[in-house]
PDB file of N, CA and C in Angstrom:
ATOM      1  N   UNK A   1       0.819  -1.187   0.000  1.00  0.00           N
ATOM      2  CA  UNK A   1       0.000   0.000   0.000  1.00  0.00           C
ATOM      3  C   UNK A   1       0.872   1.263   0.000  1.00  0.00           C
ATOM      4  N   UNK A   2       1.920   1.264   0.852  1.00  0.00           N
ATOM      5  CA  UNK A   2       2.791   2.431   0.913  1.00  0.00           C
ATOM      6  C   UNK A   2       3.562   2.624  -0.387  1.00  0.00           C
ATOM      7  N   UNK A   3       4.019   1.564  -0.992  1.00  0.00           N
ATOM      8  CA  UNK A   3       4.762   1.709  -2.241  1.00  0.00           C
ATOM      9  C   UNK A   3       3.861   2.216  -3.355  1.00  0.00           C
ATOM     10  N   UNK A   4       2.593   1.869  -3.325  1.00  0.00           N
ATOM     11  CA  UNK A   4       1.653   2.350  -4.328  1.00  0.00           C
ATOM     12  C   UNK A   4       1.465   3.865  -4.200  1.00  0.00           C
ATOM     13  N   UNK A   5       1.414   4.366  -2.976  1.00  0.00           N
ATOM     14  CA  UNK A   5       1.286   5.806  -2.746  1.00  0.00           C
ATOM     15  C   UNK A   5       2.549   6.517  -3.219  1.00  0.00           C
ATOM     16  N   UNK A   6       3.703   5.983  -2.879  1.00  0.00           N
ATOM     17  CA  UNK A   6       4.954   6.610  -3.285  1.00  0.00           C
ATOM     18  C   UNK A   6       5.127   6.613  -4.798  1.00  0.00           C
ATOM     19  N   UNK A   7       4.652   5.594  -5.475  1.00  0.00           N
ATOM     20  CA  UNK A   7       4.829   5.493  -6.925  1.00  0.00           C
ATOM     21  C   UNK A   7       3.885   6.406  -7.695  1.00  0.00           C
ATOM     22  N   UNK A   8       2.745   6.752  -7.139  1.00  0.00           N
ATOM     23  CA  UNK A   8       1.778   7.558  -7.888  1.00  0.00           C
ATOM     24  C   UNK A   8       1.653   8.983  -7.365  1.00  0.00           C
ATOM     25  N   UNK A   9       1.480   9.146  -6.080  1.00  0.00           N
ATOM     26  CA  UNK A   9       1.198  10.474  -5.534  1.00  0.00           C
ATOM     27  C   UNK A   9       2.462  11.321  -5.408  1.00  0.00           C
ATOM     28  N   UNK A  10       3.542  10.756  -4.971  1.00  0.00           N
ATOM     29  CA  UNK A  10       4.773  11.518  -4.785  1.00  0.00           C
ATOM     30  C   UNK A  10       5.297  12.130  -6.093  1.00  0.00           C
ATOM     31  N   UNK A  11       5.354  11.409  -7.211  1.00  0.00           N
ATOM     32  CA  UNK A  11       5.765  12.055  -8.465  1.00  0.00           C
ATOM     33  C   UNK A  11       4.795  13.145  -8.921  1.00  0.00           C
ATOM     34  N   UNK A  12       3.514  12.954  -8.671  1.00  0.00           N
ATOM     35  CA  UNK A  12       2.533  13.978  -9.044  1.00  0.00           C
ATOM     36  C   UNK A  12       2.759  15.252  -8.243  1.00  0.00           C
ATOM     37  N   UNK A  13       3.037  15.114  -6.960  1.00  0.00           N
ATOM     38  CA  UNK A  13       3.321  16.285  -6.126  1.00  0.00           C
ATOM     39  C   UNK A  13       4.605  16.969  -6.593  1.00  0.00           C
ATOM     40  N   UNK A  14       5.608  16.202  -6.945  1.00  0.00           N
ATOM     41  CA  UNK A  14       6.873  16.773  -7.419  1.00  0.00           C
ATOM     42  C   UNK A  14       6.678  17.544  -8.719  1.00  0.00           C
ATOM     43  N   UNK A  15       5.856  17.023  -9.618  1.00  0.00           N
ATOM     44  CA  UNK A  15       5.605  17.708 -10.896  1.00  0.00           C
ATOM     45  C   UNK A  15       4.858  19.014 -10.659  1.00  0.00           C
ATOM     46  N   UNK A  16       3.837  18.998  -9.817  1.00  0.00           N
ATOM     47  CA  UNK A  16       3.080  20.219  -9.520  1.00  0.00           C
ATOM     48  C   UNK A  16       3.980  21.250  -8.844  1.00  0.00           C
ATOM     49  N   UNK A  17       4.819  20.824  -7.931  1.00  0.00           N
ATOM     50  CA  UNK A  17       5.748  21.727  -7.264  1.00  0.00           C
ATOM     51  C   UNK A  17       6.752  22.320  -8.257  1.00  0.00           C
ATOM     52  N   UNK A  18       7.273  21.522  -9.168  1.00  0.00           N
ATOM     53  CA  UNK A  18       8.223  22.017 -10.171  1.00  0.00           C
ATOM     54  C   UNK A  18       7.564  23.028 -11.098  1.00  0.00           C
ATOM     55  N   UNK A  19       6.329  22.773 -11.493  1.00  0.00           N
ATOM     56  CA  UNK A  19       5.619  23.721 -12.366  1.00  0.00           C
ATOM     57  C   UNK A  19       5.358  25.035 -11.637  1.00  0.00           C
ATOM     58  N   UNK A  20       4.985  24.953 -10.380  1.00  0.00           N
ATOM     59  CA  UNK A  20       4.742  26.167  -9.608  1.00  0.00           C
ATOM     60  C   UNK A  20       5.992  26.995  -9.416  1.00  0.00           C
ATOM     61  N   UNK A  21       7.105  26.351  -9.136  1.00  0.00           N
ATOM     62  CA  UNK A  21       8.363  27.076  -8.950  1.00  0.00           C
ATOM     63  C   UNK A  21       8.902  27.659 -10.245  1.00  0.00           C
ATOM     64  N   UNK A  22       8.606  27.026 -11.365  1.00  0.00           N
ATOM     65  CA  UNK A  22       9.108  27.559 -12.634  1.00  0.00           C
ATOM     66  C   UNK A  22       8.491  28.916 -12.948  1.00  0.00           C
ATOM     67  N   UNK A  23       7.271  29.154 -12.513  1.00  0.00           N
ATOM     68  CA  UNK A  23       6.645  30.455 -12.728  1.00  0.00           C
ATOM     69  C   UNK A  23       6.984  31.437 -11.617  1.00  0.00           C
ATOM     70  N   UNK A  24       7.364  30.954 -10.465  1.00  0.00           N
ATOM     71  CA  UNK A  24       7.649  31.819  -9.325  1.00  0.00           C
ATOM     72  C   UNK A  24       9.022  32.464  -9.410  1.00  0.00           C
ATOM     73  N   UNK A  25       9.958  31.880 -10.123  1.00  0.00           N
ATOM     74  CA  UNK A  25      11.321  32.385 -10.173  1.00  0.00           C
ATOM     75  C   UNK A  25      11.614  33.164 -11.448  1.00  0.00           C
ATOM     76  N   UNK A  26      10.623  33.739 -12.037  1.00  0.00           N
ATOM     77  CA  UNK A  26      10.819  34.503 -13.265  1.00  0.00           C
ATOM     78  C   UNK A  26      11.464  35.842 -12.921  1.00  0.00           C
ATOM     79  N   UNK A  27      12.477  36.230 -13.669  1.00  0.00           N
ATOM     80  CA  UNK A  27      13.150  37.493 -13.403  1.00  0.00           C
ATOM     81  C   UNK A  27      12.266  38.651 -13.859  1.00  0.00           C
ATOM     82  N   UNK A  28      12.342  39.736 -13.122  1.00  0.00           N
ATOM     83  CA  UNK A  28      11.546  40.908 -13.471  1.00  0.00           C
ATOM     84  C   UNK A  28      12.420  41.865 -14.264  1.00  0.00           C
ATOM     85  N   UNK A  29      11.897  42.332 -15.354  1.00  0.00           N
ATOM     86  CA  UNK A  29      12.608  43.302 -16.178  1.00  0.00           C
ATOM     87  C   UNK A  29      11.868  44.625 -16.110  1.00  0.00           C
ATOM     88  N   UNK A  30      12.615  45.667 -15.951  1.00  0.00           N
ATOM     89  CA  UNK A  30      12.034  46.996 -15.909  1.00  0.00           C
ATOM     90  C   UNK A  30      12.013  47.531 -17.332  1.00  0.00           C
ATOM     91  N   UNK A  31      10.821  47.858 -17.802  1.00  0.00           N
ATOM     92  CA  UNK A  31      10.685  48.401 -19.150  1.00  0.00           C
ATOM     93  C   UNK A  31      10.405  49.888 -19.031  1.00  0.00           C
ATOM     94  N   UNK A  32      11.145  50.682 -19.762  1.00  0.00           N
ATOM     95  CA  UNK A  32      10.932  52.121 -19.754  1.00  0.00           C
ATOM     96  C   UNK A  32      11.032  52.654 -21.173  1.00  0.00           C
ATOM     97  N   UNK A  33      10.651  53.897 -21.340  1.00  0.00           N
ATOM     98  CA  UNK A  33      10.686  54.532 -22.652  1.00  0.00           C
ATOM     99  C   UNK A  33      12.038  55.191 -22.861  1.00  0.00           C
ATOM    100  N   UNK A  34      12.663  54.886 -23.985  1.00  0.00           N
ATOM    101  CA  UNK A  34      13.902  55.540 -24.383  1.00  0.00           C
ATOM    102  C   UNK A  34      13.615  56.474 -25.552  1.00  0.00           C
ATOM    103  N   UNK A  35      14.325  57.574 -25.621  1.00  0.00           N
ATOM    104  CA  UNK A  35      14.100  58.577 -26.661  1.00  0.00           C
ATOM    105  C   UNK A  35      15.318  58.662 -27.570  1.00  0.00           C
ATOM    106  N   UNK A  36      15.070  58.893 -28.870  1.00  0.00           N
ATOM    107  CA  UNK A  36      16.165  59.058 -29.820  1.00  0.00           C
ATOM    108  C   UNK A  36      15.722  59.978 -30.942  1.00  0.00           C
ATOM    109  N   UNK A  37      16.703  60.498 -31.678  1.00  0.00           N
ATOM    110  CA  UNK A  37      16.431  61.417 -32.781  1.00  0.00           C
ATOM    111  C   UNK A  37      16.882  60.774 -34.081  1.00  0.00           C
ATOM    112  N   UNK A  38      15.918  60.448 -34.916  1.00  0.00           N
ATOM    113  CA  UNK A  38      16.198  59.927 -36.256  1.00  0.00           C
ATOM    114  C   UNK A  38      16.141  61.109 -37.212  1.00  0.00           C
ATOM    115  N   UNK A  39      17.239  61.436 -37.896  1.00  0.00           N
ATOM    116  CA  UNK A  39      17.239  62.612 -38.770  1.00  0.00           C
ATOM    117  C   UNK A  39      16.275  62.495 -39.949  1.00  0.00           C
ATOM    118  N   UNK A  40      15.864  61.290 -40.298  1.00  0.00           N
ATOM    119  CA  UNK A  40      14.945  61.115 -41.420  1.00  0.00           C
ATOM    120  C   UNK A  40      13.480  61.247 -41.013  1.00  0.00           C
ATOM    121  N   UNK A  41      13.201  61.278 -39.707  1.00  0.00           N
ATOM    122  CA  UNK A  41      11.837  61.414 -39.204  1.00  0.00           C
ATOM    123  C   UNK A  41      11.786  62.667 -38.340  1.00  0.00           C
ATOM    124  N   UNK A  42      10.786  63.508 -38.570  1.00  0.00           N
ATOM    125  CA  UNK A  42      10.671  64.755 -37.813  1.00  0.00           C
ATOM    126  C   UNK A  42      10.311  64.469 -36.359  1.00  0.00           C
ATOM    127  N   UNK A  43      10.966  65.163 -35.444  1.00  0.00           N
ATOM    128  CA  UNK A  43      10.649  65.042 -34.027  1.00  0.00           C
ATOM    129  C   UNK A  43      11.452  63.956 -33.324  1.00  0.00           C
ATOM    130  N   UNK A  44      11.231  63.879 -32.039  1.00  0.00           N
ATOM    131  CA  UNK A  44      11.898  62.896 -31.187  1.00  0.00           C
ATOM    132  C   UNK A  44      11.076  61.608 -31.197  1.00  0.00           C
ATOM    133  N   UNK A  45      11.745  60.485 -31.396  1.00  0.00           N
ATOM    134  CA  UNK A  45      11.074  59.182 -31.441  1.00  0.00           C
ATOM    135  C   UNK A  45      11.193  58.490 -30.086  1.00  0.00           C
ATOM    136  N   UNK A  46      10.228  57.579 -29.808  1.00  0.00           N
ATOM    137  CA  UNK A  46      10.226  56.818 -28.557  1.00  0.00           C
ATOM    138  C   UNK A  46      10.344  55.335 -28.854  1.00  0.00           C
ATOM    139  N   UNK A  47      10.967  54.604 -27.926  1.00  0.00           N
ATOM    140  CA  UNK A  47      11.082  53.149 -28.052  1.00  0.00           C
ATOM    141  C   UNK A  47      11.106  52.535 -26.656  1.00  0.00           C
ATOM    142  N   UNK A  48      10.346  51.461 -26.450  1.00  0.00           N
ATOM    143  CA  UNK A  48      10.378  50.756 -25.170  1.00  0.00           C
ATOM    144  C   UNK A  48      11.668  49.951 -25.075  1.00  0.00           C
ATOM    145  N   UNK A  49      12.315  50.011 -23.910  1.00  0.00           N
ATOM    146  CA  UNK A  49      13.593  49.343 -23.730  1.00  0.00           C
ATOM    147  C   UNK A  49      13.736  48.859 -22.292  1.00  0.00           C
ATOM    148  N   UNK A  50      14.636  47.917 -22.075  1.00  0.00           N
ATOM    149  CA  UNK A  50      14.933  47.471 -20.714  1.00  0.00           C
ATOM    150  C   UNK A  50      16.255  48.059 -20.223  1.00  0.00           C
ATOM    151  N   UNK A  51      16.751  49.072 -20.914  1.00  0.00           N
ATOM    152  CA  UNK A  51      17.988  49.742 -20.510  1.00  0.00           C
ATOM    153  C   UNK A  51      17.710  50.672 -19.332  1.00  0.00           C
ATOM    154  N   UNK A  52      18.768  50.994 -18.568  1.00  0.00           N
ATOM    155  CA  UNK A  52      18.632  51.859 -17.407  1.00  0.00           C
ATOM    156  C   UNK A  52      19.616  53.010 -17.489  1.00  0.00           C
ATOM    157  N   UNK A  53      19.284  54.091 -16.795  1.00  0.00           N
ATOM    158  CA  UNK A  53      20.134  55.272 -16.829  1.00  0.00           C
ATOM    159  C   UNK A  53      21.394  55.102 -15.987  1.00  0.00           C
ATOM    160  N   UNK A  54      21.281  54.535 -14.803  1.00  0.00           N
ATOM    161  CA  UNK A  54      22.407  54.450 -13.869  1.00  0.00           C
ATOM    162  C   UNK A  54      23.073  53.085 -13.908  1.00  0.00           C
ATOM    163  N   UNK A  55      23.331  52.585 -15.071  1.00  0.00           N
ATOM    164  CA  UNK A  55      23.951  51.273 -15.232  1.00  0.00           C
ATOM    165  C   UNK A  55      25.341  51.474 -15.831  1.00  0.00           C
ATOM    166  N   UNK A  56      26.372  50.838 -15.319  1.00  0.00           N
ATOM    167  CA  UNK A  56      27.734  51.088 -15.801  1.00  0.00           C
ATOM    168  C   UNK A  56      28.116  50.319 -17.067  1.00  0.00           C
ATOM    169  N   UNK A  57      27.177  49.684 -17.722  1.00  0.00           N
ATOM    170  CA  UNK A  57      27.491  48.850 -18.886  1.00  0.00           C
ATOM    171  C   UNK A  57      27.533  49.681 -20.175  1.00  0.00           C
ATOM    172  N   UNK A  58      27.454  49.002 -21.322  1.00  0.00           N
ATOM    173  CA  UNK A  58      27.531  49.641 -22.634  1.00  0.00           C
ATOM    174  C   UNK A  58      26.336  50.547 -22.888  1.00  0.00           C
ATOM    175  N   UNK A  59      26.529  51.508 -23.778  1.00  0.00           N
ATOM    176  CA  UNK A  59      25.441  52.398 -24.158  1.00  0.00           C
ATOM    177  C   UNK A  59      24.361  51.620 -24.895  1.00  0.00           C
ATOM    178  N   UNK A  60      23.126  52.013 -24.688  1.00  0.00           N
ATOM    179  CA  UNK A  60      21.984  51.324 -25.288  1.00  0.00           C
ATOM    180  C   UNK A  60      21.593  52.043 -26.579  1.00  0.00           C
ATOM    181  N   UNK A  61      21.431  51.273 -27.646  1.00  0.00           N
ATOM    182  CA  UNK A  61      21.081  51.840 -28.949  1.00  0.00           C
ATOM    183  C   UNK A  61      19.878  51.118 -29.535  1.00  0.00           C
ATOM    184  N   UNK A  62      19.225  51.765 -30.499  1.00  0.00           N
ATOM    185  CA  UNK A  62      18.113  51.138 -31.203  1.00  0.00           C
ATOM    186  C   UNK A  62      18.667  50.129 -32.200  1.00  0.00           C
ATOM    187  N   UNK A  63      17.777  49.396 -32.845  1.00  0.00           N
ATOM    188  CA  UNK A  63      18.212  48.410 -33.842  1.00  0.00           C
ATOM    189  C   UNK A  63      18.900  49.090 -35.019  1.00  0.00           C
ATOM    190  N   UNK A  64      18.513  50.336 -35.308  1.00  0.00           N
ATOM    191  CA  UNK A  64      19.135  51.055 -36.417  1.00  0.00           C
ATOM    192  C   UNK A  64      20.356  51.862 -35.984  1.00  0.00           C
ATOM    193  N   UNK A  65      20.773  51.754 -34.710  1.00  0.00           N
ATOM    194  CA  UNK A  65      22.031  52.353 -34.276  1.00  0.00           C
ATOM    195  C   UNK A  65      21.942  53.700 -33.600  1.00  0.00           C
ATOM    196  N   UNK A  66      20.759  54.195 -33.286  1.00  0.00           N
ATOM    197  CA  UNK A  66      20.628  55.499 -32.632  1.00  0.00           C
ATOM    198  C   UNK A  66      20.732  55.346 -31.118  1.00  0.00           C
ATOM    199  N   UNK A  67      21.459  56.257 -30.481  1.00  0.00           N
ATOM    200  CA  UNK A  67      21.627  56.249 -29.029  1.00  0.00           C
ATOM    201  C   UNK A  67      20.296  56.537 -28.346  1.00  0.00           C
ATOM    202  N   UNK A  68      19.980  55.770 -27.285  1.00  0.00           N
ATOM    203  CA  UNK A  68      18.757  55.996 -26.515  1.00  0.00           C
ATOM    204  C   UNK A  68      19.055  56.877 -25.306  1.00  0.00           C
ATOM    205  N   UNK A  69      18.118  57.784 -25.003  1.00  0.00           N
ATOM    206  CA  UNK A  69      18.260  58.707 -23.879  1.00  0.00           C
ATOM    207  C   UNK A  69      17.088  58.542 -22.922  1.00  0.00           C
ATOM    208  N   UNK A  70      17.286  58.973 -21.671  1.00  0.00           N
ATOM    209  CA  UNK A  70      16.271  58.822 -20.629  1.00  0.00           C
ATOM    210  C   UNK A  70      15.127  59.814 -20.794  1.00  0.00           C
ATOM    211  N   UNK A  71      15.401  61.014 -21.260  1.00  0.00           N
ATOM    212  CA  UNK A  71      14.362  62.027 -21.457  1.00  0.00           C
ATOM    213  C   UNK A  71      14.383  62.505 -22.897  1.00  0.00           C
ATOM    214  N   UNK A  72      13.357  63.231 -23.272  1.00  0.00           N
ATOM    215  CA  UNK A  72      13.256  63.736 -24.643  1.00  0.00           C
ATOM    216  C   UNK A  72      14.221  64.888 -24.907  1.00  0.00           C
ATOM    217  N   UNK A  73      14.949  65.353 -23.894  1.00  0.00           N
ATOM    218  CA  UNK A  73      15.943  66.415 -24.074  1.00  0.00           C
ATOM    219  C   UNK A  73      17.229  65.887 -24.696  1.00  0.00           C
ATOM    220  N   UNK A  74      17.315  64.584 -24.866  1.00  0.00           N
ATOM    221  CA  UNK A  74      18.450  63.891 -25.486  1.00  0.00           C
ATOM    222  C   UNK A  74      19.757  64.269 -24.813  1.00  0.00           C
ATOM    223  N   UNK A  75      20.746  64.733 -25.582  1.00  0.00           N
ATOM    224  CA  UNK A  75      22.069  64.993 -24.997  1.00  0.00           C
ATOM    225  C   UNK A  75      22.223  66.404 -24.446  1.00  0.00           C
ATOM    226  N   UNK A  76      21.129  67.162 -24.289  1.00  0.00           N
ATOM    227  CA  UNK A  76      21.209  68.486 -23.671  1.00  0.00           C
ATOM    228  C   UNK A  76      21.411  68.390 -22.160  1.00  0.00           C
ATOM    229  N   UNK A  77      21.116  67.231 -21.575  1.00  0.00           N
ATOM    230  CA  UNK A  77      21.286  66.998 -20.142  1.00  0.00           C
ATOM    231  C   UNK A  77      22.489  66.069 -19.954  1.00  0.00           C
ATOM    232  N   UNK A  78      23.426  66.402 -19.068  1.00  0.00           N
ATOM    233  CA  UNK A  78      24.567  65.500 -18.835  1.00  0.00           C
ATOM    234  C   UNK A  78      24.112  64.170 -18.234  1.00  0.00           C
ATOM    235  N   UNK A  79      24.779  63.104 -18.600  1.00  0.00           N
ATOM    236  CA  UNK A  79      24.501  61.748 -18.102  1.00  0.00           C
ATOM    237  C   UNK A  79      23.057  61.320 -18.341  1.00  0.00           C
ATOM    238  N   UNK A  80      22.520  61.631 -19.501  1.00  0.00           N
ATOM    239  CA  UNK A  80      21.139  61.293 -19.852  1.00  0.00           C
ATOM    240  C   UNK A  80      21.061  60.005 -20.668  1.00  0.00           C
ATOM    241  N   UNK A  81      22.207  59.383 -20.960  1.00  0.00           N
ATOM    242  CA  UNK A  81      22.222  58.192 -21.808  1.00  0.00           C
ATOM    243  C   UNK A  81      21.707  56.976 -21.047  1.00  0.00           C
ATOM    244  N   UNK A  82      20.999  56.102 -21.763  1.00  0.00           N
ATOM    245  CA  UNK A  82      20.572  54.829 -21.189  1.00  0.00           C
ATOM    246  C   UNK A  82      21.656  53.796 -21.455  1.00  0.00           C
ATOM    247  N   UNK A  83      21.872  52.897 -20.499  1.00  0.00           N
ATOM    248  CA  UNK A  83      22.913  51.881 -20.623  1.00  0.00           C
ATOM    249  C   UNK A  83      22.281  50.492 -20.617  1.00  0.00           C
ATOM    250  N   UNK A  84      22.901  49.576 -21.328  1.00  0.00           N
ATOM    251  CA  UNK A  84      22.385  48.215 -21.468  1.00  0.00           C
ATOM    252  C   UNK A  84      22.513  47.447 -20.157  1.00  0.00           C
ATOM    253  N   UNK A  85      21.483  46.665 -19.845  1.00  0.00           N
ATOM    254  CA  UNK A  85      21.466  45.843 -18.635  1.00  0.00           C
ATOM    255  C   UNK A  85      21.907  44.440 -19.010  1.00  0.00           C
ATOM    256  N   UNK A  86      22.992  43.963 -18.415  1.00  0.00           N
ATOM    257  CA  UNK A  86      23.461  42.592 -18.649  1.00  0.00           C
ATOM    258  C   UNK A  86      23.024  41.730 -17.486  1.00  0.00           C
ATOM    259  N   UNK A  87      22.209  40.698 -17.790  1.00  0.00           N
ATOM    260  CA  UNK A  87      21.722  39.817 -16.727  1.00  0.00           C
ATOM    261  C   UNK A  87      22.213  38.430 -16.925  1.00  0.00           C
TER     262      UNK A  87
END
């Protein structure tokens, strides 16, 4: 009787526990708006990014190579560049 319980119920509990933990340990990413100036498009453009302002890593750029900034003032404010988050 005990071996029957261990063979059926214990693996089921382990599977449910593993599935629950797989969703519980998901990393949280902070998404914010980055601003850039494309000379071919009038005005300041916006793009959602996971880059951060106070990160010591590489500068964050769009897919087309434009530098992303924290505010729409772009490089008029010192240290306004967004930096890539390495996780």
